Amino acid sequence: MNSRIITINRMYGSCGRQIAKSLGELLGIHYYDNELLKIAEEREGIPYEELIKVDEKRASSWRYPVEDEIQMEKKFRFEPLNDVLFKTQREIILELAKKEDCIFVGRCANFILREEQNCKSVFLYAPFEKRVEEIVNRTSADEKIAKMMVKRMDKQRKYYYNYFTDEQWNDMEQYDVCIDTSRVSRKQILLMLSTLYENM
């Protein structure tokens, strides 16, 4: 693979999506986050609204994650849509990585591309209270709700990553670069990551 790839895993409220978007604009390359769902929608014929429900979530042992009408279609009947989406996004990530420089946000992309030399993995994190503050400012939720949101999203991402990779989502030893976004300015983070990209 000749393409240069950056993968970004992130704790909820650490501004991972915003940093990925800004980095893509700075480098002049695509960043893929929810865009992967839109590609998966076209490929599998599953409505985007249903894919959002299972995105970066492992399947429940107790219930189907989406409307029975879709889950019970013949081609999906014996496999949770969480698993269908993971496999589809894995294929898309591998295809895109072969043909263009880009940035992937979440979706176990660092694990999927772990054998590629021109791929650098980044983990963005911040203290819990700083992330709660970010969510309060971003969504206008009160502090109690923001705390619940941060805990829930971190738990979902952790379970999803651990389930599909058999690795630990927040094990920083598996990443090339780990950054506390509360201690480093956005400008400095973009400089660090652009330098990482340019020197691949």
N, C-alpha and C. Protein backbone atom coordinates (compact mmCIF):
# COMPACT_ATOMS: atom_id res chain seq x y z
N MET A 1 0.85 -1.19 0.00
CA MET A 1 0.00 0.00 0.00
C MET A 1 0.88 1.24 0.00
N ASN A 2 0.71 2.11 -0.99
CA ASN A 2 1.49 3.33 -1.08
C ASN A 2 0.80 4.52 -0.44
N SER A 3 -0.49 4.38 -0.18
CA SER A 3 -1.24 5.48 0.43
C SER A 3 -0.75 5.72 1.85
N ARG A 4 -0.86 6.97 2.28
CA ARG A 4 -0.53 7.33 3.66
C ARG A 4 -1.84 7.51 4.43
N ILE A 5 -1.95 6.81 5.54
CA ILE A 5 -3.20 6.76 6.30
C ILE A 5 -2.95 7.16 7.75
N ILE A 6 -3.88 7.93 8.29
CA ILE A 6 -3.90 8.20 9.73
C ILE A 6 -5.24 7.69 10.27
N THR A 7 -5.19 6.90 11.32
CA THR A 7 -6.41 6.46 12.00
C THR A 7 -6.50 7.18 13.33
N ILE A 8 -7.69 7.57 13.70
CA ILE A 8 -7.90 8.30 14.95
C ILE A 8 -8.97 7.60 15.78
N ASN A 9 -8.57 7.05 16.90
CA ASN A 9 -9.52 6.60 17.92
C ASN A 9 -9.62 7.69 18.96
N ARG A 10 -10.78 7.82 19.59
CA ARG A 10 -10.97 8.97 20.46
C ARG A 10 -11.96 8.68 21.57
N MET A 11 -11.66 9.24 22.74
CA MET A 11 -12.63 9.26 23.82
C MET A 11 -13.69 10.29 23.49
N TYR A 12 -14.92 10.02 23.90
CA TYR A 12 -16.02 10.94 23.61
C TYR A 12 -15.78 12.27 24.32
N GLY A 13 -15.85 13.35 23.56
CA GLY A 13 -15.62 14.67 24.13
C GLY A 13 -14.19 15.15 24.02
N SER A 14 -13.33 14.34 23.37
CA SER A 14 -11.93 14.76 23.19
C SER A 14 -11.71 15.45 21.85
N CYS A 15 -12.79 15.73 21.13
CA CYS A 15 -12.77 16.49 19.87
C CYS A 15 -12.12 15.73 18.71
N GLY A 16 -12.22 14.41 18.71
CA GLY A 16 -11.61 13.60 17.67
C GLY A 16 -12.13 13.90 16.28
N ARG A 17 -13.45 14.01 16.15
CA ARG A 17 -14.04 14.27 14.82
C ARG A 17 -13.61 15.64 14.30
N GLN A 18 -13.66 16.66 15.15
CA GLN A 18 -13.29 18.01 14.73
C GLN A 18 -11.82 18.07 14.32
N ILE A 19 -10.96 17.38 15.09
CA ILE A 19 -9.54 17.38 14.76
C ILE A 19 -9.30 16.64 13.45
N ALA A 20 -9.98 15.52 13.24
CA ALA A 20 -9.83 14.77 11.99
C ALA A 20 -10.26 15.61 10.80
N LYS A 21 -11.38 16.31 10.94
CA LYS A 21 -11.87 17.16 9.85
C LYS A 21 -10.88 18.29 9.55
N SER A 22 -10.38 18.94 10.58
CA SER A 22 -9.42 20.03 10.39
C SER A 22 -8.12 19.52 9.78
N LEU A 23 -7.69 18.34 10.21
CA LEU A 23 -6.47 17.75 9.66
C LEU A 23 -6.65 17.42 8.19
N GLY A 24 -7.81 16.86 7.83
CA GLY A 24 -8.08 16.56 6.43
C GLY A 24 -8.05 17.81 5.57
N GLU A 25 -8.63 18.90 6.08
CA GLU A 25 -8.62 20.17 5.35
C GLU A 25 -7.20 20.71 5.21
N LEU A 26 -6.42 20.59 6.26
CA LEU A 26 -5.04 21.07 6.24
C LEU A 26 -4.19 20.30 5.24
N LEU A 27 -4.36 18.98 5.21
CA LEU A 27 -3.55 18.12 4.34
C LEU A 27 -4.13 17.98 2.93
N GLY A 28 -5.38 18.38 2.76
CA GLY A 28 -6.01 18.24 1.46
C GLY A 28 -6.38 16.80 1.14
N ILE A 29 -6.77 16.03 2.17
CA ILE A 29 -7.17 14.63 1.97
C ILE A 29 -8.52 14.40 2.64
N HIS A 30 -9.20 13.32 2.27
CA HIS A 30 -10.49 13.00 2.85
C HIS A 30 -10.34 12.50 4.28
N TYR A 31 -11.34 12.81 5.09
CA TYR A 31 -11.46 12.12 6.38
C TYR A 31 -12.79 11.38 6.35
N TYR A 32 -12.76 10.17 6.87
CA TYR A 32 -13.95 9.33 6.84
C TYR A 32 -14.42 9.02 8.26
N ASP A 33 -15.63 9.44 8.54
CA ASP A 33 -16.28 9.15 9.82
C ASP A 33 -17.66 8.59 9.47
N ASN A 34 -18.69 9.39 9.57
CA ASN A 34 -20.02 8.93 9.18
C ASN A 34 -20.13 8.69 7.68
N GLU A 35 -19.17 9.22 6.92
CA GLU A 35 -19.15 8.98 5.48
C GLU A 35 -19.07 7.49 5.18
N LEU A 36 -18.45 6.73 6.06
CA LEU A 36 -18.37 5.27 5.88
C LEU A 36 -19.76 4.64 5.94
N LEU A 37 -20.65 5.23 6.74
CA LEU A 37 -22.01 4.72 6.82
C LEU A 37 -22.77 4.96 5.52
N LYS A 38 -22.51 6.11 4.90
CA LYS A 38 -23.20 6.43 3.65
C LYS A 38 -22.76 5.47 2.54
N ILE A 39 -21.47 5.12 2.53
CA ILE A 39 -20.98 4.16 1.54
C ILE A 39 -21.58 2.79 1.83
N ALA A 40 -21.65 2.42 3.12
CA ALA A 40 -22.23 1.13 3.50
C ALA A 40 -23.72 1.07 3.15
N GLU A 41 -24.40 2.20 3.29
CA GLU A 41 -25.82 2.25 2.93
C GLU A 41 -26.02 1.89 1.46
N GLU A 42 -25.19 2.47 0.61
CA GLU A 42 -25.29 2.19 -0.83
C GLU A 42 -24.94 0.73 -1.13
N ARG A 43 -23.95 0.22 -0.44
CA ARG A 43 -23.47 -1.13 -0.73
C ARG A 43 -24.44 -2.20 -0.24
N GLU A 44 -25.02 -2.02 0.94
CA GLU A 44 -25.87 -3.05 1.53
C GLU A 44 -27.36 -2.80 1.35
N GLY A 45 -27.71 -1.57 0.96
CA GLY A 45 -29.12 -1.27 0.80
C GLY A 45 -29.87 -1.14 2.11
N ILE A 46 -29.14 -0.80 3.17
CA ILE A 46 -29.76 -0.61 4.50
C ILE A 46 -29.86 0.89 4.75
N PRO A 47 -31.01 1.40 5.15
CA PRO A 47 -31.16 2.84 5.37
C PRO A 47 -30.12 3.39 6.36
N TYR A 48 -29.61 4.56 6.06
CA TYR A 48 -28.61 5.23 6.90
C TYR A 48 -29.09 5.35 8.34
N GLU A 49 -30.37 5.67 8.51
CA GLU A 49 -30.93 5.85 9.85
C GLU A 49 -30.83 4.57 10.69
N GLU A 50 -30.92 3.41 10.03
CA GLU A 50 -30.79 2.15 10.75
C GLU A 50 -29.33 1.83 11.05
N LEU A 51 -28.44 2.19 10.15
CA LEU A 51 -27.01 1.94 10.37
C LEU A 51 -26.48 2.78 11.54
N ILE A 52 -27.00 4.00 11.66
CA ILE A 52 -26.59 4.86 12.78
C ILE A 52 -26.84 4.17 14.12
N LYS A 53 -27.93 3.40 14.20
CA LYS A 53 -28.30 2.74 15.46
C LYS A 53 -27.28 1.69 15.89
N VAL A 54 -26.56 1.10 14.94
CA VAL A 54 -25.63 0.02 15.28
C VAL A 54 -24.17 0.42 15.10
N ASP A 55 -23.94 1.65 14.63
CA ASP A 55 -22.58 2.09 14.35
C ASP A 55 -21.74 2.14 15.62
N GLU A 56 -20.57 1.52 15.56
CA GLU A 56 -19.62 1.46 16.69
C GLU A 56 -20.29 0.93 17.97
N LYS A 57 -21.15 -0.05 17.79
CA LYS A 57 -21.77 -0.75 18.91
C LYS A 57 -21.70 -2.24 18.64
N ARG A 58 -21.41 -3.03 19.66
CA ARG A 58 -21.47 -4.48 19.49
C ARG A 58 -22.92 -4.92 19.63
N ALA A 59 -23.23 -6.08 19.08
CA ALA A 59 -24.60 -6.58 19.11
C ALA A 59 -25.02 -6.93 20.53
N SER A 60 -26.28 -6.70 20.83
CA SER A 60 -26.85 -7.09 22.10
C SER A 60 -27.15 -8.59 22.09
N SER A 61 -26.98 -9.23 23.21
CA SER A 61 -27.30 -10.66 23.33
C SER A 61 -28.79 -10.88 23.48
N TRP A 62 -29.54 -9.79 23.71
CA TRP A 62 -30.94 -9.94 24.09
C TRP A 62 -31.94 -9.47 23.04
N ARG A 63 -31.51 -8.57 22.14
CA ARG A 63 -32.49 -8.05 21.19
C ARG A 63 -31.80 -7.59 19.92
N TYR A 64 -32.58 -7.54 18.86
CA TYR A 64 -32.08 -6.97 17.62
C TYR A 64 -31.98 -5.46 17.77
N PRO A 65 -30.98 -4.85 17.14
CA PRO A 65 -30.75 -3.42 17.35
C PRO A 65 -31.61 -2.51 16.49
N VAL A 66 -32.27 -3.06 15.46
CA VAL A 66 -33.02 -2.22 14.53
C VAL A 66 -34.42 -2.80 14.32
N GLU A 67 -35.17 -2.16 13.46
CA GLU A 67 -36.52 -2.62 13.19
C GLU A 67 -36.51 -4.06 12.70
N ASP A 68 -37.42 -4.87 13.23
CA ASP A 68 -37.48 -6.28 12.83
C ASP A 68 -37.65 -6.46 11.34
N GLU A 69 -38.35 -5.54 10.70
CA GLU A 69 -38.61 -5.63 9.26
C GLU A 69 -37.31 -5.74 8.48
N ILE A 70 -36.31 -4.96 8.88
CA ILE A 70 -35.02 -4.99 8.19
C ILE A 70 -34.16 -6.16 8.68
N GLN A 71 -34.07 -6.31 10.00
CA GLN A 71 -33.23 -7.37 10.55
C GLN A 71 -33.69 -8.75 10.09
N MET A 72 -34.97 -8.91 9.83
CA MET A 72 -35.49 -10.21 9.46
C MET A 72 -35.50 -10.47 7.96
N GLU A 73 -34.94 -9.53 7.17
CA GLU A 73 -34.77 -9.82 5.75
C GLU A 73 -33.86 -11.02 5.61
N LYS A 74 -34.07 -11.79 4.58
CA LYS A 74 -33.38 -13.07 4.44
C LYS A 74 -31.87 -12.96 4.58
N LYS A 75 -31.27 -11.95 3.95
CA LYS A 75 -29.80 -11.88 3.96
C LYS A 75 -29.22 -11.41 5.29
N PHE A 76 -30.06 -10.88 6.19
CA PHE A 76 -29.57 -10.41 7.48
C PHE A 76 -30.09 -11.24 8.66
N ARG A 77 -30.94 -12.20 8.38
CA ARG A 77 -31.70 -12.87 9.43
C ARG A 77 -30.82 -13.55 10.48
N PHE A 78 -29.70 -14.10 10.05
CA PHE A 78 -28.89 -14.90 10.96
C PHE A 78 -27.64 -14.19 11.45
N GLU A 79 -27.55 -12.90 11.20
CA GLU A 79 -26.38 -12.14 11.64
C GLU A 79 -26.82 -10.75 12.06
N PRO A 80 -26.47 -10.32 13.28
CA PRO A 80 -26.86 -8.97 13.71
C PRO A 80 -26.32 -7.91 12.76
N LEU A 81 -27.07 -6.84 12.57
CA LEU A 81 -26.63 -5.78 11.67
C LEU A 81 -25.34 -5.13 12.16
N ASN A 82 -25.09 -5.19 13.47
CA ASN A 82 -23.80 -4.68 13.98
C ASN A 82 -22.65 -5.40 13.27
N ASP A 83 -22.76 -6.73 13.15
CA ASP A 83 -21.70 -7.52 12.52
C ASP A 83 -21.66 -7.28 11.02
N VAL A 84 -22.83 -7.15 10.41
CA VAL A 84 -22.90 -6.86 8.97
C VAL A 84 -22.20 -5.53 8.69
N LEU A 85 -22.50 -4.52 9.50
CA LEU A 85 -21.90 -3.19 9.30
C LEU A 85 -20.40 -3.23 9.53
N PHE A 86 -19.95 -3.94 10.57
CA PHE A 86 -18.51 -4.00 10.80
C PHE A 86 -17.78 -4.62 9.61
N LYS A 87 -18.30 -5.72 9.10
CA LYS A 87 -17.66 -6.39 7.96
C LYS A 87 -17.65 -5.50 6.72
N THR A 88 -18.76 -4.79 6.50
CA THR A 88 -18.85 -3.90 5.34
C THR A 88 -17.89 -2.74 5.48
N GLN A 89 -17.85 -2.13 6.66
CA GLN A 89 -16.93 -1.00 6.87
C GLN A 89 -15.48 -1.46 6.78
N ARG A 90 -15.18 -2.66 7.23
CA ARG A 90 -13.83 -3.20 7.11
C ARG A 90 -13.42 -3.28 5.63
N GLU A 91 -14.31 -3.80 4.80
CA GLU A 91 -14.03 -3.89 3.37
C GLU A 91 -13.81 -2.50 2.76
N ILE A 92 -14.66 -1.56 3.15
CA ILE A 92 -14.56 -0.19 2.62
C ILE A 92 -13.24 0.45 3.04
N ILE A 93 -12.87 0.29 4.31
CA ILE A 93 -11.61 0.86 4.81
C ILE A 93 -10.42 0.30 4.05
N LEU A 94 -10.40 -1.00 3.84
CA LEU A 94 -9.29 -1.62 3.11
C LEU A 94 -9.24 -1.13 1.67
N GLU A 95 -10.39 -0.98 1.04
CA GLU A 95 -10.44 -0.50 -0.34
C GLU A 95 -9.96 0.95 -0.45
N LEU A 96 -10.46 1.81 0.43
CA LEU A 96 -10.07 3.21 0.39
C LEU A 96 -8.59 3.39 0.69
N ALA A 97 -8.07 2.61 1.63
CA ALA A 97 -6.66 2.71 2.02
C ALA A 97 -5.73 2.35 0.87
N LYS A 98 -6.21 1.53 -0.05
CA LYS A 98 -5.38 1.13 -1.19
C LYS A 98 -5.30 2.21 -2.26
N LYS A 99 -6.31 3.08 -2.32
CA LYS A 99 -6.36 3.99 -3.46
C LYS A 99 -6.16 5.47 -3.13
N GLU A 100 -6.16 5.85 -1.84
CA GLU A 100 -5.99 7.28 -1.54
C GLU A 100 -5.44 7.51 -0.14
N ASP A 101 -4.72 8.62 0.02
CA ASP A 101 -4.34 9.08 1.34
C ASP A 101 -5.61 9.54 2.05
N CYS A 102 -5.77 9.18 3.31
CA CYS A 102 -6.99 9.59 4.01
C CYS A 102 -6.85 9.39 5.52
N ILE A 103 -7.88 9.83 6.22
CA ILE A 103 -7.96 9.73 7.67
C ILE A 103 -9.22 8.95 8.01
N PHE A 104 -9.10 7.97 8.89
CA PHE A 104 -10.25 7.21 9.36
C PHE A 104 -10.49 7.50 10.83
N VAL A 105 -11.74 7.76 11.19
CA VAL A 105 -12.10 8.00 12.58
C VAL A 105 -12.81 6.77 13.13
N GLY A 106 -12.25 6.16 14.17
CA GLY A 106 -12.86 5.01 14.82
C GLY A 106 -12.98 3.80 13.92
N ARG A 107 -14.03 3.00 14.14
CA ARG A 107 -14.36 1.81 13.36
C ARG A 107 -13.25 0.77 13.33
N CYS A 108 -12.41 0.75 14.36
CA CYS A 108 -11.32 -0.23 14.47
C CYS A 108 -10.34 -0.13 13.31
N ALA A 109 -10.26 1.03 12.67
CA ALA A 109 -9.41 1.17 11.48
C ALA A 109 -7.94 0.92 11.81
N ASN A 110 -7.50 1.33 13.00
CA ASN A 110 -6.10 1.10 13.35
C ASN A 110 -5.79 -0.39 13.40
N PHE A 111 -6.75 -1.19 13.87
CA PHE A 111 -6.56 -2.64 13.94
C PHE A 111 -6.65 -3.25 12.54
N ILE A 112 -7.61 -2.81 11.76
CA ILE A 112 -7.79 -3.34 10.41
C ILE A 112 -6.56 -3.10 9.55
N LEU A 113 -5.89 -1.96 9.75
CA LEU A 113 -4.73 -1.58 8.93
C LEU A 113 -3.41 -1.76 9.68
N ARG A 114 -3.42 -2.56 10.72
CA ARG A 114 -2.24 -2.67 11.59
C ARG A 114 -0.98 -3.19 10.88
N GLU A 115 -1.15 -3.93 9.79
CA GLU A 115 0.01 -4.49 9.09
C GLU A 115 0.60 -3.52 8.07
N GLU A 116 -0.06 -2.39 7.84
CA GLU A 116 0.39 -1.46 6.81
C GLU A 116 1.44 -0.50 7.37
N GLN A 117 2.57 -0.41 6.68
CA GLN A 117 3.67 0.44 7.15
C GLN A 117 3.33 1.92 7.05
N ASN A 118 2.57 2.30 6.04
CA ASN A 118 2.23 3.70 5.83
C ASN A 118 0.94 4.09 6.54
N CYS A 119 0.72 3.51 7.69
CA CYS A 119 -0.46 3.84 8.49
C CYS A 119 -0.01 4.15 9.92
N LYS A 120 -0.40 5.31 10.39
CA LYS A 120 -0.08 5.70 11.76
C LYS A 120 -1.37 5.83 12.57
N SER A 121 -1.36 5.27 13.76
CA SER A 121 -2.56 5.28 14.60
C SER A 121 -2.43 6.29 15.73
N VAL A 122 -3.52 7.00 15.96
CA VAL A 122 -3.55 8.08 16.96
C VAL A 122 -4.69 7.81 17.94
N PHE A 123 -4.44 8.07 19.21
CA PHE A 123 -5.49 7.97 20.23
C PHE A 123 -5.60 9.33 20.92
N LEU A 124 -6.80 9.92 20.87
CA LEU A 124 -7.05 11.21 21.49
C LEU A 124 -7.87 11.01 22.76
N TYR A 125 -7.44 11.63 23.83
CA TYR A 125 -8.12 11.47 25.12
C TYR A 125 -8.06 12.77 25.89
N ALA A 126 -8.74 12.81 27.01
CA ALA A 126 -8.72 13.96 27.90
C ALA A 126 -9.35 13.53 29.21
N PRO A 127 -9.06 14.23 30.31
CA PRO A 127 -9.69 13.90 31.58
C PRO A 127 -11.21 13.96 31.48
N PHE A 128 -11.87 13.15 32.28
CA PHE A 128 -13.33 13.04 32.23
C PHE A 128 -14.00 14.40 32.37
N GLU A 129 -13.62 15.20 33.33
CA GLU A 129 -14.28 16.48 33.58
C GLU A 129 -14.11 17.44 32.40
N LYS A 130 -12.96 17.39 31.76
CA LYS A 130 -12.73 18.25 30.60
C LYS A 130 -13.65 17.83 29.44
N ARG A 131 -13.86 16.54 29.31
CA ARG A 131 -14.72 16.05 28.24
C ARG A 131 -16.18 16.36 28.52
N VAL A 132 -16.57 16.28 29.77
CA VAL A 132 -17.93 16.67 30.16
C VAL A 132 -18.15 18.15 29.83
N GLU A 133 -17.18 18.97 30.16
CA GLU A 133 -17.26 20.40 29.86
C GLU A 133 -17.42 20.65 28.36
N GLU A 134 -16.68 19.89 27.57
CA GLU A 134 -16.76 20.03 26.11
C GLU A 134 -18.16 19.66 25.61
N ILE A 135 -18.75 18.59 26.13
CA ILE A 135 -20.08 18.17 25.71
C ILE A 135 -21.14 19.17 26.14
N VAL A 136 -21.00 19.73 27.34
CA VAL A 136 -21.93 20.78 27.79
C VAL A 136 -21.90 21.95 26.82
N ASN A 137 -20.70 22.37 26.43
CA ASN A 137 -20.56 23.51 25.52
C ASN A 137 -21.04 23.18 24.11
N ARG A 138 -20.84 21.95 23.70
CA ARG A 138 -21.17 21.55 22.33
C ARG A 138 -22.67 21.29 22.15
N THR A 139 -23.31 20.74 23.16
CA THR A 139 -24.70 20.29 23.00
C THR A 139 -25.71 21.08 23.82
N SER A 140 -25.23 21.92 24.73
CA SER A 140 -26.11 22.66 25.64
C SER A 140 -26.81 21.75 26.65
N ALA A 141 -26.35 20.49 26.76
CA ALA A 141 -26.88 19.59 27.79
C ALA A 141 -26.39 20.07 29.16
N ASP A 142 -27.18 19.76 30.22
CA ASP A 142 -26.68 20.13 31.54
C ASP A 142 -25.59 19.14 31.96
N GLU A 143 -24.90 19.45 33.03
CA GLU A 143 -23.73 18.67 33.43
C GLU A 143 -24.07 17.21 33.73
N LYS A 144 -25.19 16.98 34.38
CA LYS A 144 -25.59 15.61 34.72
C LYS A 144 -25.80 14.78 33.45
N ILE A 145 -26.50 15.33 32.48
CA ILE A 145 -26.75 14.62 31.23
C ILE A 145 -25.45 14.41 30.47
N ALA A 146 -24.60 15.44 30.47
CA ALA A 146 -23.31 15.33 29.76
C ALA A 146 -22.45 14.22 30.35
N LYS A 147 -22.45 14.08 31.67
CA LYS A 147 -21.68 13.02 32.30
C LYS A 147 -22.20 11.65 31.86
N MET A 148 -23.52 11.51 31.80
CA MET A 148 -24.10 10.25 31.35
C MET A 148 -23.74 9.96 29.90
N MET A 149 -23.76 10.98 29.07
CA MET A 149 -23.43 10.82 27.65
C MET A 149 -21.98 10.36 27.46
N VAL A 150 -21.07 11.00 28.19
CA VAL A 150 -19.65 10.65 28.07
C VAL A 150 -19.41 9.21 28.52
N LYS A 151 -19.99 8.84 29.65
CA LYS A 151 -19.82 7.47 30.16
C LYS A 151 -20.40 6.45 29.19
N ARG A 152 -21.61 6.75 28.67
CA ARG A 152 -22.27 5.81 27.77
C ARG A 152 -21.49 5.63 26.46
N MET A 153 -21.05 6.73 25.86
CA MET A 153 -20.35 6.65 24.58
C MET A 153 -18.99 5.97 24.73
N ASP A 154 -18.27 6.28 25.79
CA ASP A 154 -16.99 5.61 26.03
C ASP A 154 -17.19 4.11 26.21
N LYS A 155 -18.23 3.74 26.94
CA LYS A 155 -18.52 2.32 27.17
C LYS A 155 -18.85 1.63 25.86
N GLN A 156 -19.67 2.26 25.02
CA GLN A 156 -20.03 1.67 23.74
C GLN A 156 -18.80 1.48 22.85
N ARG A 157 -17.98 2.50 22.77
CA ARG A 157 -16.79 2.42 21.91
C ARG A 157 -15.81 1.37 22.43
N LYS A 158 -15.66 1.32 23.74
CA LYS A 158 -14.76 0.33 24.34
C LYS A 158 -15.25 -1.08 24.04
N TYR A 159 -16.52 -1.37 24.30
CA TYR A 159 -17.07 -2.71 24.07
C TYR A 159 -17.01 -3.09 22.60
N TYR A 160 -17.31 -2.14 21.74
CA TYR A 160 -17.27 -2.38 20.29
C TYR A 160 -15.86 -2.77 19.86
N TYR A 161 -14.89 -1.95 20.25
CA TYR A 161 -13.50 -2.19 19.84
C TYR A 161 -12.98 -3.50 20.42
N ASN A 162 -13.20 -3.72 21.69
CA ASN A 162 -12.71 -4.94 22.34
C ASN A 162 -13.34 -6.19 21.73
N TYR A 163 -14.64 -6.09 21.40
CA TYR A 163 -15.37 -7.24 20.85
C TYR A 163 -14.84 -7.63 19.47
N PHE A 164 -14.63 -6.65 18.60
CA PHE A 164 -14.24 -6.95 17.23
C PHE A 164 -12.74 -7.14 17.03
N THR A 165 -11.94 -6.74 17.98
CA THR A 165 -10.48 -6.84 17.80
C THR A 165 -9.78 -7.76 18.80
N ASP A 166 -10.44 -8.08 19.90
CA ASP A 166 -9.80 -8.81 21.00
C ASP A 166 -8.63 -8.04 21.59
N GLU A 167 -8.63 -6.74 21.38
CA GLU A 167 -7.64 -5.85 21.98
C GLU A 167 -8.36 -4.89 22.92
N GLN A 168 -7.58 -4.07 23.64
CA GLN A 168 -8.15 -3.11 24.57
C GLN A 168 -8.14 -1.71 23.94
N TRP A 169 -9.31 -1.15 23.78
CA TRP A 169 -9.48 0.15 23.12
C TRP A 169 -8.57 1.24 23.69
N ASN A 170 -8.46 1.30 25.01
CA ASN A 170 -7.68 2.37 25.63
C ASN A 170 -6.28 1.93 26.05
N ASP A 171 -5.78 0.84 25.47
CA ASP A 171 -4.40 0.41 25.71
C ASP A 171 -3.50 1.25 24.81
N MET A 172 -2.83 2.22 25.39
CA MET A 172 -2.09 3.19 24.59
C MET A 172 -0.83 2.60 23.94
N GLU A 173 -0.44 1.42 24.37
CA GLU A 173 0.74 0.80 23.76
C GLU A 173 0.50 0.39 22.31
N GLN A 174 -0.76 0.26 21.91
CA GLN A 174 -1.04 -0.18 20.54
C GLN A 174 -1.11 0.98 19.55
N TYR A 175 -0.98 2.22 20.04
CA TYR A 175 -1.06 3.40 19.17
C TYR A 175 0.32 4.01 18.96
N ASP A 176 0.49 4.66 17.82
CA ASP A 176 1.76 5.33 17.53
C ASP A 176 1.88 6.65 18.28
N VAL A 177 0.75 7.35 18.42
CA VAL A 177 0.74 8.66 19.08
C VAL A 177 -0.51 8.76 19.95
N CYS A 178 -0.33 9.20 21.20
CA CYS A 178 -1.46 9.44 22.11
C CYS A 178 -1.38 10.88 22.60
N ILE A 179 -2.49 11.61 22.51
CA ILE A 179 -2.48 13.04 22.83
C ILE A 179 -3.64 13.37 23.77
N ASP A 180 -3.30 14.05 24.87
CA ASP A 180 -4.31 14.61 25.77
C ASP A 180 -4.74 15.94 25.17
N THR A 181 -5.93 15.99 24.59
CA THR A 181 -6.35 17.19 23.87
C THR A 181 -6.68 18.37 24.79
N SER A 182 -6.71 18.12 26.10
CA SER A 182 -6.94 19.23 27.03
C SER A 182 -5.65 19.96 27.38
N ARG A 183 -4.52 19.35 27.03
CA ARG A 183 -3.22 19.93 27.41
C ARG A 183 -2.42 20.44 26.22
N VAL A 184 -2.89 20.15 25.03
CA VAL A 184 -2.20 20.58 23.82
C VAL A 184 -3.18 21.36 22.96
N SER A 185 -2.77 22.50 22.44
CA SER A 185 -3.68 23.33 21.65
C SER A 185 -4.04 22.64 20.34
N ARG A 186 -5.17 23.03 19.76
CA ARG A 186 -5.59 22.46 18.48
C ARG A 186 -4.52 22.71 17.41
N LYS A 187 -3.95 23.88 17.41
CA LYS A 187 -2.91 24.21 16.43
C LYS A 187 -1.72 23.29 16.58
N GLN A 188 -1.30 23.02 17.82
CA GLN A 188 -0.16 22.14 18.07
C GLN A 188 -0.47 20.70 17.67
N ILE A 189 -1.71 20.25 17.95
CA ILE A 189 -2.10 18.89 17.58
C ILE A 189 -2.05 18.73 16.06
N LEU A 190 -2.59 19.70 15.34
CA LEU A 190 -2.58 19.62 13.88
C LEU A 190 -1.16 19.66 13.34
N LEU A 191 -0.30 20.42 13.96
CA LEU A 191 1.11 20.46 13.54
C LEU A 191 1.75 19.09 13.76
N MET A 192 1.52 18.50 14.92
CA MET A 192 2.08 17.18 15.23
C MET A 192 1.60 16.12 14.23
N LEU A 193 0.31 16.11 13.96
CA LEU A 193 -0.25 15.07 13.10
C LEU A 193 0.10 15.30 11.64
N SER A 194 0.18 16.55 11.23
CA SER A 194 0.59 16.82 9.84
C SER A 194 2.05 16.44 9.64
N THR A 195 2.88 16.65 10.66
CA THR A 195 4.29 16.24 10.58
C THR A 195 4.39 14.71 10.52
N LEU A 196 3.56 14.05 11.32
CA LEU A 196 3.51 12.59 11.29
C LEU A 196 3.16 12.10 9.90
N TYR A 197 2.17 12.72 9.28
CA TYR A 197 1.73 12.34 7.93
C TYR A 197 2.83 12.61 6.90
N GLU A 198 3.42 13.79 6.95
CA GLU A 198 4.42 14.17 5.94
C GLU A 198 5.67 13.30 6.01
N ASN A 199 5.94 12.71 7.15
CA ASN A 199 7.16 11.92 7.31
C ASN A 199 6.93 10.42 7.20
N MET A 200 5.79 10.03 6.71
CA MET A 200 5.54 8.60 6.48
C MET A 200 6.31 8.13 5.23
